[in-house]
Amino acid sequence: METLVLSSFKSCLHCGVSINIVDFDANYLWPIQRDLQKKSRRKSLLRVSSLANLLSPKASRKPETFKRTLSFKVPLVPTNHHQRNHGNSHNNTTTNNNTISPYKAPPPSPGRCRLARTWSDMMTGDGTMLSTLSCQDIKRQEAIYELYQGELDLIEDLNVVKNTYQDCMRKLQLMTEGELGQIFGNLDNLIPVHEDLVNRMKTQRRPDGTTAEIGQELKDWIPRLRVYVSFCANQVFGKVLLDDKKEEPAIDDFLQRCQDSPFSRKLDLWGLLDGARSRFMKYPLLLKSILKYTSDWLDAQNLSEAVRLAEEIVGDADKRTGEAKCVYYRSRITYLYDDQKHADIENASTLLCNGTLKNNKGSKLQLFLFDTILVLTRLVTQGGYQRFQVYRDPIPISDLVLEDLKDGEVKMGSFRSAFSSSQTSKNVFRVSFTESGKGQSHTLMSNDEHDKRQWLNSIRSALNNVKKESPEIVAVHLAPNVRLHSDSSEGE
């Protein structure tokens, strides 16, 4: 076998032919050898590193890490979903010392909304019926249908209050029969009254959906509304008891669950009960709306008489409610000094108006206008109950002077803000004594213009009632331009 010897000469020595020398070692064998050496070196390094980690572990290495290195892997959590839940609950129970996680209420259900439908929406067909009626007749039919649909909605609300609230609270024994009677009053007598009106209106409706005469039926039905006189008067004490009962966890939870349910339309129990009273107070306006578009003379006469009866019954309910409020608030009035006690407070029979007003210092005062005296109080808490502490001297109606002040004429607020030009006074009036030596005057600010008008009308009504009895002792001042009294006339 001949051996090929690679020479360093580029040409043959004998014949002079050039020779192309190929370096196999450098061009072919060496790159392959380098790759093989790199792979073997990498494997040897991996073996050495793993062996070094195995034979000489660090001091900080944990037993679990050592086990994982040897491929002894133990699952920390069971892979089965059912076992995982049991394992988690077991761990949570052990960690929380066998305590149960608190109850989380589900999100409230969406409220149920009523469809606002008019009489025109109820008329189906090609619209020929609407085209035959005048604009006034259509408005009359709309007013009649508004009364009818309102009765259906009220009956639904009253049934919810009776079946869901009253009957359930009785079955669950959350309240006694006396407490239920004080909160709900004569609720059972209200539902038949409104069902009677619905039936009367159905009998008067023609097959084409129109109603010709309705005055006689309303005139005969209105006297049945007298059941609301006692219902409205009872609400004064029912609201107080309901607020006290809400402090009990079981009752509060029951009421909250009912409010979150769709049937309540996001209204609480008192919102549903007070809705019946609000509906009762609107009957004169609803009947006047029908009377406005009634052209028949006889039907208009009957509607006018129905309006008169409704206003009379609403007035009686207002009077009875005022008497009940008078009894309640008189029992909550306390005195800081004995000389603040006045006989007219004990002799008062009706509460004409009450609410929250601010004096010229910015302090909130609770005002009570009785038929005999005006009392200014501050809200305090005594023995866990809210009381009304008399502020300054009460002003008898016979010694009362009323002054209507224009907006911007006086400044309201503390002494610090008296020099600022940004603070203006609106909806302000002043009450004082006929003789300045009897007591202080009070500059009062209402929440808005409507509130101020209500206070002025109520005070003027009380003054007129006293004037009829003793006209010589009543002074009524309506001063458009009055300067603010000095601080000595009204203090904190």
Protein backbone atom coordinates (compact mmCIF):
# COMPACT_ATOMS: atom_id res chain seq x y z
CA MET A 1 0.00 0.00 0.00
CA GLU A 2 1.41 3.28 -1.02
CA THR A 3 1.35 6.15 1.33
CA LEU A 4 0.48 9.54 0.05
CA VAL A 5 2.97 12.03 1.29
CA LEU A 6 1.99 15.63 0.99
CA SER A 7 4.90 17.70 -0.09
CA SER A 8 5.40 21.35 0.43
CA PHE A 9 6.50 21.84 -3.21
CA LYS A 10 3.99 23.37 -5.62
CA SER A 11 5.54 21.63 -8.83
CA CYS A 12 7.04 18.24 -9.67
CA LEU A 13 10.81 18.15 -9.56
CA HIS A 14 11.13 15.74 -12.50
CA CYS A 15 8.54 17.04 -15.01
CA GLY A 16 7.73 20.49 -13.64
CA VAL A 17 3.95 19.87 -13.53
CA SER A 18 2.16 22.04 -10.96
CA ILE A 19 0.62 20.24 -8.04
CA ASN A 20 -2.62 21.43 -6.19
CA ILE A 21 -2.16 20.42 -2.63
CA VAL A 22 -5.34 19.85 -0.62
CA ASP A 23 -5.00 20.14 3.14
CA PHE A 24 -7.46 17.49 4.41
CA ASP A 25 -6.47 18.11 7.95
CA ALA A 26 -7.27 21.83 7.94
CA ASN A 27 -10.29 21.91 5.59
CA TYR A 28 -12.19 18.76 6.47
CA LEU A 29 -10.94 16.77 9.46
CA TRP A 30 -10.31 19.59 11.87
CA PRO A 31 -13.85 21.19 11.86
CA ILE A 32 -15.46 17.79 12.50
CA GLN A 33 -13.01 17.06 15.25
CA ARG A 34 -13.66 20.44 16.86
CA ASP A 35 -17.42 19.80 16.91
CA LEU A 36 -16.96 16.40 18.48
CA GLN A 37 -14.67 17.85 21.11
CA LYS A 38 -17.16 20.61 22.00
CA LYS A 39 -20.02 18.12 22.43
CA SER A 40 -17.96 15.78 24.56
CA ARG A 41 -16.69 18.68 26.65
CA ARG A 42 -20.26 19.93 27.25
CA LYS A 43 -21.46 16.50 28.35
CA SER A 44 -18.54 16.08 30.68
CA LEU A 45 -19.20 19.49 32.22
CA LEU A 46 -22.87 18.61 32.83
CA ARG A 47 -21.91 15.37 34.48
CA VAL A 48 -19.35 17.06 36.65
CA SER A 49 -21.74 19.85 37.70
CA SER A 50 -24.57 17.46 38.58
CA LEU A 51 -22.17 15.16 40.40
CA ALA A 52 -20.73 18.10 42.31
CA ASN A 53 -24.19 19.26 43.30
CA LEU A 54 -25.07 15.77 44.40
CA LEU A 55 -21.96 15.09 46.47
CA SER A 56 -21.52 18.51 48.02
CA PRO A 57 -24.90 20.35 48.37
CA LYS A 58 -24.98 23.89 49.75
CA ALA A 59 -25.89 24.47 53.36
CA SER A 60 -28.93 26.52 52.41
CA ARG A 61 -30.40 23.82 50.16
CA LYS A 62 -33.72 22.50 51.56
CA PRO A 63 -34.66 18.80 51.72
CA GLU A 64 -37.41 19.36 49.15
CA THR A 65 -34.87 20.69 46.64
CA PHE A 66 -32.61 17.73 47.29
CA LYS A 67 -35.49 15.39 46.60
CA ARG A 68 -36.37 17.16 43.38
CA THR A 69 -32.73 16.78 42.26
CA LEU A 70 -33.04 13.05 42.71
CA SER A 71 -36.33 13.15 40.78
CA PHE A 72 -38.36 12.13 43.85
CA LYS A 73 -41.23 14.60 43.18
CA VAL A 74 -44.22 14.56 45.53
CA PRO A 75 -47.28 16.59 44.42
CA LEU A 76 -48.13 19.26 46.96
CA VAL A 77 -51.84 19.47 45.97
CA PRO A 78 -54.04 16.57 44.81
CA THR A 79 -54.61 16.63 41.11
CA ASN A 80 -58.26 15.58 41.42
CA HIS A 81 -60.60 18.63 41.48
CA HIS A 82 -62.91 17.14 44.11
CA GLN A 83 -59.98 16.23 46.33
CA ARG A 84 -58.49 19.68 45.75
CA ASN A 85 -61.62 21.39 47.07
CA HIS A 86 -61.69 19.13 50.11
CA GLY A 87 -58.03 19.71 50.71
CA ASN A 88 -58.40 23.48 50.53
CA SER A 89 -61.43 23.53 52.80
CA HIS A 90 -59.60 21.31 55.27
CA ASN A 91 -56.57 23.59 55.24
CA ASN A 92 -58.75 26.71 55.62
CA THR A 93 -60.65 25.16 58.49
CA THR A 94 -57.43 24.21 60.23
CA THR A 95 -55.90 27.61 59.69
CA ASN A 96 -58.99 29.56 60.85
CA ASN A 97 -59.50 27.36 63.91
CA ASN A 98 -62.67 25.73 62.54
CA THR A 99 -64.35 29.08 61.68
CA ILE A 100 -66.75 29.44 58.75
CA SER A 101 -66.27 32.22 56.25
CA PRO A 102 -68.86 35.03 56.59
CA TYR A 103 -72.01 35.03 54.47
CA LYS A 104 -71.79 37.05 51.30
CA ALA A 105 -75.12 38.21 49.92
CA PRO A 106 -75.70 37.52 46.24
CA PRO A 107 -75.93 40.50 43.90
CA PRO A 108 -79.41 42.04 43.83
CA SER A 109 -81.75 40.95 41.10
CA PRO A 110 -82.72 43.49 38.45
CA GLY A 111 -85.78 45.47 39.43
CA ARG A 112 -89.06 45.03 37.64
CA CYS A 113 -90.14 48.16 35.81
CA ARG A 114 -93.69 49.06 34.95
CA LEU A 115 -94.61 49.95 31.42
CA ALA A 116 -95.80 53.51 31.02
CA ARG A 117 -98.74 53.04 28.66
CA THR A 118 -101.32 55.64 27.73
CA TRP A 119 -104.86 55.26 26.50
CA SER A 120 -103.74 55.93 22.93
CA ASP A 121 -101.23 53.09 23.19
CA MET A 122 -104.01 50.73 24.24
CA MET A 123 -106.12 51.56 21.20
CA THR A 124 -105.31 48.99 18.51
CA GLY A 125 -106.25 48.89 14.89
CA ASP A 126 -105.77 51.31 12.03
CA GLY A 127 -106.35 54.39 14.19
CA THR A 128 -109.82 55.21 12.86
CA MET A 129 -111.16 55.59 16.40
CA LEU A 130 -108.60 58.25 17.30
CA SER A 131 -109.31 60.12 14.10
CA THR A 132 -113.01 60.45 14.99
CA LEU A 133 -112.31 62.03 18.39
CA SER A 134 -111.41 65.63 19.04
CA CYS A 135 -108.23 66.66 20.86
CA GLN A 136 -110.23 67.46 24.00
CA ASP A 137 -111.95 64.06 23.95
CA ILE A 138 -108.61 62.29 23.61
CA LYS A 139 -107.19 64.19 26.58
CA ARG A 140 -110.26 63.28 28.62
CA GLN A 141 -109.87 59.60 27.80
CA GLU A 142 -106.16 59.85 28.71
CA ALA A 143 -107.05 61.36 32.11
CA ILE A 144 -109.62 58.66 32.82
CA TYR A 145 -107.20 55.92 31.82
CA GLU A 146 -104.48 57.46 34.02
CA LEU A 147 -106.81 57.17 37.00
CA TYR A 148 -107.68 53.59 36.07
CA GLN A 149 -104.10 52.43 35.52
CA GLY A 150 -102.97 54.09 38.75
CA GLU A 151 -105.56 52.08 40.65
CA LEU A 152 -104.23 48.83 39.19
CA ASP A 153 -100.67 49.72 40.16
CA LEU A 154 -101.71 50.69 43.68
CA ILE A 155 -103.62 47.43 44.15
CA GLU A 156 -100.53 45.51 43.08
CA ASP A 157 -98.33 47.37 45.58
CA LEU A 158 -100.80 46.92 48.42
CA ASN A 159 -101.02 43.18 47.74
CA VAL A 160 -97.22 42.97 47.84
CA VAL A 161 -97.18 44.74 51.20
CA LYS A 162 -99.90 42.51 52.62
CA ASN A 163 -98.80 39.11 51.28
CA THR A 164 -95.02 39.49 51.25
CA TYR A 165 -94.37 41.77 54.20
CA GLN A 166 -97.26 41.64 56.66
CA ASP A 167 -98.23 37.96 56.32
CA CYS A 168 -94.62 36.72 56.13
CA MET A 169 -93.55 38.71 59.17
CA ARG A 170 -96.53 37.29 61.03
CA LYS A 171 -95.67 33.70 60.04
CA LEU A 172 -92.00 34.15 60.89
CA GLN A 173 -93.02 35.75 64.20
CA LEU A 174 -90.71 38.69 63.62
CA MET A 175 -93.24 41.03 65.24
CA THR A 176 -96.24 40.82 67.51
CA GLU A 177 -99.78 41.50 66.35
CA GLY A 178 -99.75 44.88 68.08
CA GLU A 179 -96.56 45.92 66.35
CA LEU A 180 -97.86 44.78 62.97
CA GLY A 181 -101.07 46.73 63.54
CA GLN A 182 -99.17 49.89 64.39
CA ILE A 183 -96.93 49.69 61.32
CA PHE A 184 -99.45 48.54 58.69
CA GLY A 185 -102.59 50.12 60.16
CA ASN A 186 -105.88 49.28 58.45
CA LEU A 187 -104.15 47.98 55.33
CA ASP A 188 -106.74 45.23 54.81
CA ASN A 189 -109.48 47.85 54.35
CA LEU A 190 -107.65 49.73 51.59
CA ILE A 191 -107.46 47.02 48.92
CA PRO A 192 -111.27 46.48 48.54
CA VAL A 193 -111.77 50.25 48.14
CA HIS A 194 -109.52 50.47 45.09
CA GLU A 195 -110.81 47.21 43.63
CA ASP A 196 -114.31 48.71 43.80
CA LEU A 197 -113.21 51.74 41.75
CA VAL A 198 -111.60 49.51 39.13
CA ASN A 199 -114.82 47.54 38.72
CA ARG A 200 -116.88 50.74 38.49
CA MET A 201 -114.65 52.12 35.74
CA LYS A 202 -114.79 48.86 33.81
CA THR A 203 -118.58 48.90 33.75
CA GLN A 204 -118.55 52.44 32.32
CA ARG A 205 -116.14 51.57 29.53
CA ARG A 206 -117.62 51.03 26.11
CA PRO A 207 -116.65 48.18 23.78
CA ASP A 208 -114.58 50.57 21.68
CA GLY A 209 -112.44 51.48 24.73
CA THR A 210 -113.88 54.94 25.42
CA THR A 211 -115.68 56.10 28.56
CA ALA A 212 -118.65 58.46 28.24
CA GLU A 213 -119.75 59.32 31.79
CA ILE A 214 -117.72 58.74 34.93
CA GLY A 215 -118.81 61.55 37.28
CA GLN A 216 -121.63 59.71 39.02
CA GLU A 217 -119.51 56.65 39.73
CA LEU A 218 -116.70 58.76 41.17
CA LYS A 219 -119.15 60.80 43.24
CA ASP A 220 -120.54 57.61 44.79
CA TRP A 221 -117.10 56.10 45.34
CA ILE A 222 -115.16 59.02 46.87
CA PRO A 223 -116.71 58.69 50.41
CA ARG A 224 -115.04 55.27 50.71
CA LEU A 225 -111.68 57.07 50.88
CA ARG A 226 -112.36 57.97 54.51
CA VAL A 227 -110.51 54.82 55.50
CA TYR A 228 -107.34 56.78 54.68
CA VAL A 229 -107.97 59.29 57.48
CA SER A 230 -107.01 56.79 60.17
CA PHE A 231 -104.38 55.21 57.92
CA CYS A 232 -102.50 58.51 57.48
CA ALA A 233 -102.74 59.38 61.17
CA ASN A 234 -101.40 55.95 62.12
CA GLN A 235 -98.37 56.35 59.85
CA VAL A 236 -96.81 58.88 62.23
CA PHE A 237 -96.31 56.24 64.92
CA GLY A 238 -95.85 53.39 62.45
CA LYS A 239 -92.79 55.05 60.91
CA VAL A 240 -91.19 55.49 64.34
CA LEU A 241 -91.76 51.86 65.29
CA LEU A 242 -90.49 50.61 61.94
CA ASP A 243 -87.26 52.60 62.32
CA ASP A 244 -86.75 51.12 65.78
CA LYS A 245 -87.42 47.59 64.54
CA LYS A 246 -84.82 47.94 61.80
CA GLU A 247 -82.18 47.86 64.52
CA GLU A 248 -82.95 44.17 65.07
CA PRO A 249 -80.72 42.02 62.79
CA ALA A 250 -83.43 39.50 61.84
CA ILE A 251 -85.93 42.16 60.77
CA ASP A 252 -83.33 44.24 58.99
CA ASP A 253 -82.13 41.18 57.05
CA PHE A 254 -85.71 40.28 56.07
CA LEU A 255 -86.50 43.79 54.87
CA GLN A 256 -83.24 44.03 52.93
CA ARG A 257 -83.86 40.71 51.16
CA CYS A 258 -87.35 41.85 50.16
CA GLN A 259 -86.02 45.15 48.86
CA ASP A 260 -83.41 43.35 46.73
CA SER A 261 -86.09 41.15 45.16
CA PRO A 262 -87.63 42.15 41.82
CA PHE A 263 -91.19 42.41 43.13
CA SER A 264 -90.36 45.42 45.31
CA ARG A 265 -89.06 47.52 42.37
CA LYS A 266 -86.17 48.60 44.62
CA LEU A 267 -88.58 50.23 47.09
CA ASP A 268 -88.38 49.56 50.80
CA LEU A 269 -91.40 48.79 52.95
CA TRP A 270 -91.98 52.39 53.94
CA GLY A 271 -91.71 53.51 50.33
CA LEU A 272 -94.59 51.18 49.42
CA LEU A 273 -96.71 52.24 52.39
CA ASP A 274 -96.11 55.92 51.84
CA GLY A 275 -96.92 55.46 48.17
CA ALA A 276 -100.51 54.65 49.12
CA ARG A 277 -100.73 57.88 51.16
CA SER A 278 -99.25 59.90 48.28
CA ARG A 279 -101.80 58.42 45.89
CA PHE A 280 -104.63 59.34 48.26
CA MET A 281 -103.44 62.96 48.43
CA LYS A 282 -103.51 63.23 44.60
CA TYR A 283 -107.15 62.31 44.08
CA PRO A 284 -108.38 65.94 43.93
CA LEU A 285 -105.84 66.69 41.19
CA LEU A 286 -106.69 63.52 39.26
CA LEU A 287 -110.41 64.34 39.32
CA LYS A 288 -109.77 67.95 38.32
CA SER A 289 -107.81 66.70 35.32
CA ILE A 290 -110.86 64.74 34.13
CA LEU A 291 -113.20 67.65 34.89
CA LYS A 292 -111.04 70.02 32.83
CA TYR A 293 -111.80 68.12 29.61
CA THR A 294 -115.41 67.18 30.37
CA SER A 295 -117.97 69.06 28.29
CA ASP A 296 -121.15 67.26 29.37
CA TRP A 297 -122.95 69.45 31.90
CA LEU A 298 -124.35 66.70 34.12
CA ASP A 299 -121.11 64.73 34.20
CA ALA A 300 -119.22 67.93 35.00
CA GLN A 301 -121.54 68.64 37.94
CA ASN A 302 -120.97 65.18 39.38
CA LEU A 303 -117.20 65.52 38.92
CA SER A 304 -117.23 68.90 40.70
CA GLU A 305 -119.03 67.34 43.64
CA ALA A 306 -116.55 64.46 43.66
CA VAL A 307 -113.65 66.93 43.76
CA ARG A 308 -115.24 68.76 46.68
CA LEU A 309 -115.71 65.52 48.63
CA ALA A 310 -112.15 64.43 47.89
CA GLU A 311 -110.72 67.75 49.11
CA GLU A 312 -112.80 67.53 52.25
CA ILE A 313 -111.55 64.02 53.04
CA VAL A 314 -107.93 64.98 52.30
CA GLY A 315 -108.33 67.98 54.62
CA ASP A 316 -109.64 65.74 57.40
CA ALA A 317 -106.69 63.39 56.88
CA ASP A 318 -104.27 66.33 57.09
CA LYS A 319 -105.89 67.48 60.33
CA ARG A 320 -105.77 64.04 61.91
CA THR A 321 -102.16 63.59 60.78
CA GLY A 322 -101.27 66.97 62.29
CA GLU A 323 -102.87 65.96 65.57
CA ALA A 324 -100.93 62.71 65.64
CA LYS A 325 -97.67 64.53 64.85
CA CYS A 326 -98.46 67.04 67.58
CA VAL A 327 -98.80 64.29 70.16
CA TYR A 328 -95.61 62.59 69.03
CA TYR A 329 -93.33 65.63 68.80
CA ARG A 330 -94.62 67.14 72.04
CA SER A 331 -93.49 63.98 73.79
CA ARG A 332 -90.00 64.34 72.27
CA ILE A 333 -89.43 68.01 73.24
CA THR A 334 -87.06 68.60 76.16
CA TYR A 335 -86.11 71.79 77.97
CA LEU A 336 -82.70 73.08 78.94
CA TYR A 337 -84.21 75.58 81.42
CA ASP A 338 -87.50 75.47 83.26
CA ASP A 339 -88.47 78.98 82.16
CA GLN A 340 -88.58 77.70 78.56
CA LYS A 341 -91.68 75.68 79.28
CA HIS A 342 -94.77 77.31 77.85
CA ALA A 343 -98.43 76.50 78.34
CA ASP A 344 -99.14 76.92 74.62
CA ILE A 345 -96.94 73.90 73.88
CA GLU A 346 -99.08 71.66 76.07
CA ASN A 347 -102.28 73.23 74.75
CA ALA A 348 -101.31 72.74 71.08
CA SER A 349 -103.58 70.36 69.22
CA THR A 350 -102.18 70.37 65.68
CA LEU A 351 -98.73 70.51 64.11
CA LEU A 352 -98.99 72.73 61.05
CA CYS A 353 -95.44 72.45 59.74
CA ASN A 354 -92.02 71.18 60.81
CA GLY A 355 -88.59 70.91 59.25
CA THR A 356 -84.92 71.85 59.35
CA LEU A 357 -83.77 75.46 58.83
CA LYS A 358 -80.54 77.38 59.38
CA ASN A 359 -80.17 80.49 61.49
CA ASN A 360 -77.91 83.45 60.67
CA LYS A 361 -74.96 81.67 62.34
CA GLY A 362 -75.25 78.66 60.06
CA SER A 363 -76.53 76.34 62.80
CA LYS A 364 -79.26 73.84 61.93
CA LEU A 365 -82.48 74.18 63.90
CA GLN A 366 -85.57 71.99 64.01
CA LEU A 367 -88.67 74.17 63.80
CA PHE A 368 -92.14 73.12 64.92
CA LEU A 369 -95.07 75.33 64.02
CA PHE A 370 -97.99 74.34 66.22
CA ASP A 371 -101.39 75.96 66.00
CA THR A 372 -100.59 77.94 69.16
CA ILE A 373 -96.81 78.47 69.24
CA LEU A 374 -93.58 78.38 67.18
CA VAL A 375 -90.82 76.32 68.82
CA LEU A 376 -87.16 76.31 67.74
CA THR A 377 -85.19 73.27 68.86
CA ARG A 378 -81.89 71.48 68.40
CA LEU A 379 -81.60 67.78 67.69
CA VAL A 380 -79.92 65.92 70.58
CA THR A 381 -79.58 62.31 71.69
CA GLN A 382 -80.68 61.30 75.18
CA GLY A 383 -80.77 57.71 76.37
CA GLY A 384 -80.21 56.42 72.85
CA TYR A 385 -83.25 58.28 71.46
CA GLN A 386 -83.46 61.47 69.46
CA ARG A 387 -84.89 64.42 71.33
CA PHE A 388 -85.62 68.03 70.44
CA GLN A 389 -84.10 70.46 72.92
CA VAL A 390 -85.76 73.87 73.00
CA TYR A 391 -83.50 76.64 71.64
CA ARG A 392 -84.09 80.14 73.03
CA ASP A 393 -87.65 81.16 73.89
CA PRO A 394 -90.66 79.76 72.03
CA ILE A 395 -92.75 82.39 70.24
CA PRO A 396 -96.53 82.20 70.76
CA ILE A 397 -98.57 82.78 67.61
CA SER A 398 -100.29 85.72 69.31
CA ASP A 399 -96.87 87.44 69.75
CA LEU A 400 -95.35 86.39 66.42
CA VAL A 401 -94.13 88.84 63.77
CA LEU A 402 -93.24 87.46 60.33
CA GLU A 403 -90.89 89.33 57.97
CA ASP A 404 -90.22 88.21 54.40
CA LEU A 405 -86.65 89.14 53.36
CA LYS A 406 -85.38 89.47 49.81
CA ASP A 407 -82.46 87.45 48.55
CA GLY A 408 -79.06 89.02 49.14
CA GLU A 409 -80.18 91.56 51.74
CA VAL A 410 -78.63 89.77 54.71
CA LYS A 411 -75.53 87.66 55.16
CA MET A 412 -75.69 84.23 56.68
CA GLY A 413 -72.90 82.31 58.34
CA SER A 414 -70.37 82.57 61.15
CA PHE A 415 -68.43 85.69 62.20
CA ARG A 416 -65.40 84.52 60.23
CA SER A 417 -67.34 84.37 56.95
CA ALA A 418 -69.24 87.62 57.60
CA PHE A 419 -66.60 89.69 55.79
CA SER A 420 -66.50 87.52 52.68
CA SER A 421 -68.41 88.84 49.68
CA SER A 422 -68.97 85.41 48.12
CA GLN A 423 -71.58 84.19 50.60
CA THR A 424 -75.08 85.40 49.79
CA SER A 425 -78.38 84.65 51.47
CA LYS A 426 -81.37 83.22 49.67
CA ASN A 427 -84.82 82.09 50.77
CA VAL A 428 -84.58 83.97 54.08
CA PHE A 429 -87.29 85.18 56.46
CA ARG A 430 -87.35 86.40 60.04
CA VAL A 431 -89.59 85.62 63.02
CA SER A 432 -89.62 87.75 66.15
CA PHE A 433 -91.74 88.96 69.07
CA THR A 434 -94.10 91.91 68.87
CA GLU A 435 -92.14 93.32 71.81
CA SER A 436 -88.37 92.97 71.51
CA GLY A 437 -87.96 92.61 75.27
CA LYS A 438 -89.80 89.30 75.35
CA GLY A 439 -87.15 87.36 73.44
CA GLN A 440 -84.77 87.13 70.52
CA SER A 441 -85.58 87.36 66.85
CA HIS A 442 -84.43 84.63 64.47
CA THR A 443 -83.33 85.03 60.84
CA LEU A 444 -83.91 81.69 59.15
CA MET A 445 -82.87 80.30 55.77
CA SER A 446 -84.88 77.62 53.97
CA ASN A 447 -83.51 74.91 51.70
CA ASP A 448 -85.12 76.31 48.56
CA GLU A 449 -87.82 78.66 47.36
CA HIS A 450 -90.55 76.04 47.62
CA ASP A 451 -89.62 75.32 51.24
CA LYS A 452 -89.68 79.02 52.10
CA ARG A 453 -93.09 79.48 50.47
CA GLN A 454 -94.47 76.58 52.46
CA TRP A 455 -93.21 78.04 55.73
CA LEU A 456 -94.59 81.51 54.94
CA ASN A 457 -98.00 80.12 53.99
CA SER A 458 -98.17 77.96 57.11
CA ILE A 459 -97.19 80.81 59.43
CA ARG A 460 -99.64 83.19 57.77
CA SER A 461 -102.39 80.59 58.08
CA ALA A 462 -101.66 80.22 61.81
CA LEU A 463 -101.67 84.02 62.21
CA ASN A 464 -104.99 84.34 60.41
CA ASN A 465 -106.56 81.68 62.61
CA VAL A 466 -105.48 83.51 65.74
CA LYS A 467 -106.53 86.85 64.24
CA LYS A 468 -110.08 85.60 63.84
CA GLU A 469 -110.20 84.88 67.56
CA SER A 470 -108.27 87.94 68.83
CA PRO A 471 -107.60 90.42 66.02
CA GLU A 472 -106.14 93.09 68.27
CA ILE A 473 -103.12 91.05 69.45
CA VAL A 474 -101.81 89.89 66.09
CA ALA A 475 -99.11 91.77 64.15
CA VAL A 476 -98.08 90.65 60.69
CA HIS A 477 -95.16 92.48 59.04
CA LEU A 478 -94.09 91.89 55.48
CA ALA A 479 -90.95 94.01 55.20
CA PRO A 480 -89.23 93.91 51.80
CA ASN A 481 -86.25 95.95 53.03
CA VAL A 482 -85.09 94.97 56.51
CA ARG A 483 -81.59 95.22 57.88
CA LEU A 484 -80.06 92.37 59.81
CA HIS A 485 -80.56 92.60 63.55
CA SER A 486 -77.48 92.88 65.72
CA ASP A 487 -75.83 89.78 67.09
CA SER A 488 -77.35 90.47 70.49
CA SER A 489 -80.81 89.86 69.06
CA GLU A 490 -79.94 86.33 67.96
CA GLY A 491 -77.18 84.30 69.57
CA GLU A 492 -75.98 80.74 69.77
